[in-house]
Amino acid sequence: MLWTIIIILLVLWLVGLIGQIGGGLINLLLIVVLVLLVIRLLPGRKK
């Protein structure tokens, strides 16, 4: 599910770079998804 969202946002980001669609919102969403991806990939604390 997370990978699907990442791919969709990357495609929209590339389209936004070419066609100026989405502006700053797509960049903000891309940053949020990248942060979530990094948090998910880092090993969590074990309780």
PDB file of N, CA and C in Angstrom:
ATOM      1  N   MET A   1       0.824  -1.197   0.000  1.00  0.00           N
ATOM      2  CA  MET A   1       0.000   0.000   0.000  1.00  0.00           C
ATOM      3  C   MET A   1       0.867   1.259   0.000  1.00  0.00           C
ATOM      4  N   LEU A   2       1.885   1.272   0.870  1.00  0.00           N
ATOM      5  CA  LEU A   2       2.764   2.439   0.942  1.00  0.00           C
ATOM      6  C   LEU A   2       3.524   2.631  -0.359  1.00  0.00           C
ATOM      7  N   TRP A   3       3.964   1.518  -0.966  1.00  0.00           N
ATOM      8  CA  TRP A   3       4.710   1.612  -2.229  1.00  0.00           C
ATOM      9  C   TRP A   3       3.824   2.158  -3.342  1.00  0.00           C
ATOM     10  N   THR A   4       2.552   1.805  -3.341  1.00  0.00           N
ATOM     11  CA  THR A   4       1.627   2.319  -4.352  1.00  0.00           C
ATOM     12  C   THR A   4       1.480   3.835  -4.222  1.00  0.00           C
ATOM     13  N   ILE A   5       1.345   4.306  -2.997  1.00  0.00           N
ATOM     14  CA  ILE A   5       1.221   5.742  -2.759  1.00  0.00           C
ATOM     15  C   ILE A   5       2.492   6.463  -3.188  1.00  0.00           C
ATOM     16  N   ILE A   6       3.641   5.873  -2.878  1.00  0.00           N
ATOM     17  CA  ILE A   6       4.919   6.480  -3.255  1.00  0.00           C
ATOM     18  C   ILE A   6       5.041   6.588  -4.764  1.00  0.00           C
ATOM     19  N   ILE A   7       4.690   5.538  -5.476  1.00  0.00           N
ATOM     20  CA  ILE A   7       4.790   5.552  -6.940  1.00  0.00           C
ATOM     21  C   ILE A   7       3.839   6.584  -7.536  1.00  0.00           C
ATOM     22  N   ILE A   8       2.610   6.639  -7.024  1.00  0.00           N
ATOM     23  CA  ILE A   8       1.644   7.615  -7.531  1.00  0.00           C
ATOM     24  C   ILE A   8       2.141   9.034  -7.295  1.00  0.00           C
ATOM     25  N   LEU A   9       2.668   9.305  -6.101  1.00  0.00           N
ATOM     26  CA  LEU A   9       3.161  10.645  -5.813  1.00  0.00           C
ATOM     27  C   LEU A   9       4.377  10.998  -6.650  1.00  0.00           C
ATOM     28  N   LEU A  10       5.247  10.026  -6.901  1.00  0.00           N
ATOM     29  CA  LEU A  10       6.403  10.294  -7.758  1.00  0.00           C
ATOM     30  C   LEU A  10       5.977  10.636  -9.180  1.00  0.00           C
ATOM     31  N   VAL A  11       4.995   9.904  -9.689  1.00  0.00           N
ATOM     32  CA  VAL A  11       4.497  10.192 -11.038  1.00  0.00           C
ATOM     33  C   VAL A  11       3.853  11.576 -11.082  1.00  0.00           C
ATOM     34  N   LEU A  12       3.034  11.896 -10.087  1.00  0.00           N
ATOM     35  CA  LEU A  12       2.407  13.217 -10.045  1.00  0.00           C
ATOM     36  C   LEU A  12       3.446  14.319  -9.899  1.00  0.00           C
ATOM     37  N   TRP A  13       4.512  14.039  -9.139  1.00  0.00           N
ATOM     38  CA  TRP A  13       5.580  15.018  -8.959  1.00  0.00           C
ATOM     39  C   TRP A  13       6.296  15.284 -10.273  1.00  0.00           C
ATOM     40  N   LEU A  14       6.566  14.208 -11.026  1.00  0.00           N
ATOM     41  CA  LEU A  14       7.217  14.380 -12.324  1.00  0.00           C
ATOM     42  C   LEU A  14       6.320  15.140 -13.298  1.00  0.00           C
ATOM     43  N   VAL A  15       5.025  14.825 -13.295  1.00  0.00           N
ATOM     44  CA  VAL A  15       4.083  15.552 -14.146  1.00  0.00           C
ATOM     45  C   VAL A  15       4.020  17.014 -13.716  1.00  0.00           C
ATOM     46  N   GLY A  16       4.074  17.259 -12.418  1.00  0.00           N
ATOM     47  CA  GLY A  16       4.060  18.625 -11.909  1.00  0.00           C
ATOM     48  C   GLY A  16       5.292  19.407 -12.313  1.00  0.00           C
ATOM     49  N   LEU A  17       6.433  18.730 -12.397  1.00  0.00           N
ATOM     50  CA  LEU A  17       7.649  19.411 -12.843  1.00  0.00           C
ATOM     51  C   LEU A  17       7.537  19.821 -14.305  1.00  0.00           C
ATOM     52  N   ILE A  18       6.918  18.969 -15.102  1.00  0.00           N
ATOM     53  CA  ILE A  18       6.804  19.238 -16.534  1.00  0.00           C
ATOM     54  C   ILE A  18       5.675  20.228 -16.812  1.00  0.00           C
ATOM     55  N   GLY A  19       4.518  20.001 -16.217  1.00  0.00           N
ATOM     56  CA  GLY A  19       3.343  20.793 -16.558  1.00  0.00           C
ATOM     57  C   GLY A  19       2.915  21.807 -15.525  1.00  0.00           C
ATOM     58  N   GLN A  20       3.673  21.982 -14.455  1.00  0.00           N
ATOM     59  CA  GLN A  20       3.320  22.924 -13.392  1.00  0.00           C
ATOM     60  C   GLN A  20       1.941  22.632 -12.806  1.00  0.00           C
ATOM     61  N   ILE A  21       1.653  21.340 -12.605  1.00  0.00           N
ATOM     62  CA  ILE A  21       0.376  20.938 -12.015  1.00  0.00           C
ATOM     63  C   ILE A  21       0.615  20.587 -10.547  1.00  0.00           C
ATOM     64  N   GLY A  22      -0.185  21.100  -9.662  1.00  0.00           N
ATOM     65  CA  GLY A  22      -0.091  20.739  -8.260  1.00  0.00           C
ATOM     66  C   GLY A  22       0.747  21.694  -7.432  1.00  0.00           C
ATOM     67  N   GLY A  23       1.711  22.328  -8.025  1.00  0.00           N
ATOM     68  CA  GLY A  23       2.517  23.321  -7.327  1.00  0.00           C
ATOM     69  C   GLY A  23       3.207  22.775  -6.094  1.00  0.00           C
ATOM     70  N   GLY A  24       3.119  23.531  -5.018  1.00  0.00           N
ATOM     71  CA  GLY A  24       3.811  23.178  -3.783  1.00  0.00           C
ATOM     72  C   GLY A  24       3.161  22.034  -3.036  1.00  0.00           C
ATOM     73  N   LEU A  25       1.888  21.789  -3.289  1.00  0.00           N
ATOM     74  CA  LEU A  25       1.188  20.734  -2.553  1.00  0.00           C
ATOM     75  C   LEU A  25       1.786  19.370  -2.838  1.00  0.00           C
ATOM     76  N   ILE A  26       2.082  19.077  -4.094  1.00  0.00           N
ATOM     77  CA  ILE A  26       2.627  17.769  -4.428  1.00  0.00           C
ATOM     78  C   ILE A  26       4.027  17.618  -3.852  1.00  0.00           C
ATOM     79  N   ASN A  27       4.789  18.711  -3.784  1.00  0.00           N
ATOM     80  CA  ASN A  27       6.109  18.639  -3.171  1.00  0.00           C
ATOM     81  C   ASN A  27       6.000  18.362  -1.677  1.00  0.00           C
ATOM     82  N   LEU A  28       5.040  18.981  -1.028  1.00  0.00           N
ATOM     83  CA  LEU A  28       4.817  18.741   0.391  1.00  0.00           C
ATOM     84  C   LEU A  28       4.413  17.294   0.639  1.00  0.00           C
ATOM     85  N   LEU A  29       3.503  16.768  -0.171  1.00  0.00           N
ATOM     86  CA  LEU A  29       3.076  15.376  -0.021  1.00  0.00           C
ATOM     87  C   LEU A  29       4.230  14.413  -0.263  1.00  0.00           C
ATOM     88  N   LEU A  30       5.081  14.725  -1.238  1.00  0.00           N
ATOM     89  CA  LEU A  30       6.226  13.874  -1.523  1.00  0.00           C
ATOM     90  C   LEU A  30       7.186  13.848  -0.343  1.00  0.00           C
ATOM     91  N   ILE A  31       7.426  14.976   0.272  1.00  0.00           N
ATOM     92  CA  ILE A  31       8.308  15.027   1.437  1.00  0.00           C
ATOM     93  C   ILE A  31       7.720  14.228   2.589  1.00  0.00           C
ATOM     94  N   VAL A  32       6.418  14.347   2.814  1.00  0.00           N
ATOM     95  CA  VAL A  32       5.760  13.592   3.883  1.00  0.00           C
ATOM     96  C   VAL A  32       5.896  12.097   3.647  1.00  0.00           C
ATOM     97  N   VAL A  33       5.671  11.657   2.415  1.00  0.00           N
ATOM     98  CA  VAL A  33       5.772  10.232   2.105  1.00  0.00           C
ATOM     99  C   VAL A  33       7.209   9.742   2.261  1.00  0.00           C
ATOM    100  N   LEU A  34       8.183  10.534   1.847  1.00  0.00           N
ATOM    101  CA  LEU A  34       9.580  10.131   2.006  1.00  0.00           C
ATOM    102  C   LEU A  34       9.955  10.011   3.480  1.00  0.00           C
ATOM    103  N   VAL A  35       9.470  10.911   4.316  1.00  0.00           N
ATOM    104  CA  VAL A  35       9.726  10.821   5.757  1.00  0.00           C
ATOM    105  C   VAL A  35       9.093   9.560   6.325  1.00  0.00           C
ATOM    106  N   LEU A  36       7.860   9.272   5.930  1.00  0.00           N
ATOM    107  CA  LEU A  36       7.199   8.049   6.399  1.00  0.00           C
ATOM    108  C   LEU A  36       7.943   6.803   5.944  1.00  0.00           C
ATOM    109  N   LEU A  37       8.463   6.824   4.727  1.00  0.00           N
ATOM    110  CA  LEU A  37       9.216   5.688   4.212  1.00  0.00           C
ATOM    111  C   LEU A  37      10.488   5.474   5.019  1.00  0.00           C
ATOM    112  N   VAL A  38      11.195   6.540   5.328  1.00  0.00           N
ATOM    113  CA  VAL A  38      12.421   6.421   6.118  1.00  0.00           C
ATOM    114  C   VAL A  38      12.106   5.888   7.508  1.00  0.00           C
ATOM    115  N   ILE A  39      11.046   6.397   8.128  1.00  0.00           N
ATOM    116  CA  ILE A  39      10.658   5.920   9.455  1.00  0.00           C
ATOM    117  C   ILE A  39      10.302   4.443   9.406  1.00  0.00           C
ATOM    118  N   ARG A  40       9.631   4.038   8.343  1.00  0.00           N
ATOM    119  CA  ARG A  40       9.224   2.630   8.220  1.00  0.00           C
ATOM    120  C   ARG A  40      10.424   1.715   7.983  1.00  0.00           C
ATOM    121  N   LEU A  41      11.416   2.196   7.244  1.00  0.00           N
ATOM    122  CA  LEU A  41      12.577   1.371   6.934  1.00  0.00           C
ATOM    123  C   LEU A  41      13.559   1.274   8.094  1.00  0.00           C
ATOM    124  N   LEU A  42      13.582   2.290   8.948  1.00  0.00           N
ATOM    125  CA  LEU A  42      14.464   2.232  10.105  1.00  0.00           C
ATOM    126  C   LEU A  42      13.928   1.199  11.090  1.00  0.00           C
ATOM    127  N   PRO A  43      14.833   0.437  11.671  1.00  0.00           N
ATOM    128  CA  PRO A  43      14.360  -0.557  12.646  1.00  0.00           C
ATOM    129  C   PRO A  43      13.777   0.134  13.875  1.00  0.00           C
ATOM    130  N   GLY A  44      12.602  -0.314  14.256  1.00  0.00           N
ATOM    131  CA  GLY A  44      11.938   0.275  15.419  1.00  0.00           C
ATOM    132  C   GLY A  44      12.518  -0.266  16.719  1.00  0.00           C
ATOM    133  N   ARG A  45      12.197   0.417  17.796  1.00  0.00           N
ATOM    134  CA  ARG A  45      12.651  -0.050  19.105  1.00  0.00           C
ATOM    135  C   ARG A  45      11.882  -1.303  19.483  1.00  0.00           C
ATOM    136  N   LYS A  46      12.598  -2.218  20.091  1.00  0.00           N
ATOM    137  CA  LYS A  46      11.938  -3.445  20.554  1.00  0.00           C
ATOM    138  C   LYS A  46      11.623  -3.291  22.032  1.00  0.00           C
ATOM    139  N   LYS A  47      10.381  -3.569  22.377  1.00  0.00           N
ATOM    140  CA  LYS A  47       9.964  -3.417  23.777  1.00  0.00           C
ATOM    141  C   LYS A  47      10.152  -4.714  24.518  1.00  0.00           C
TER     142      LYS A  47
END
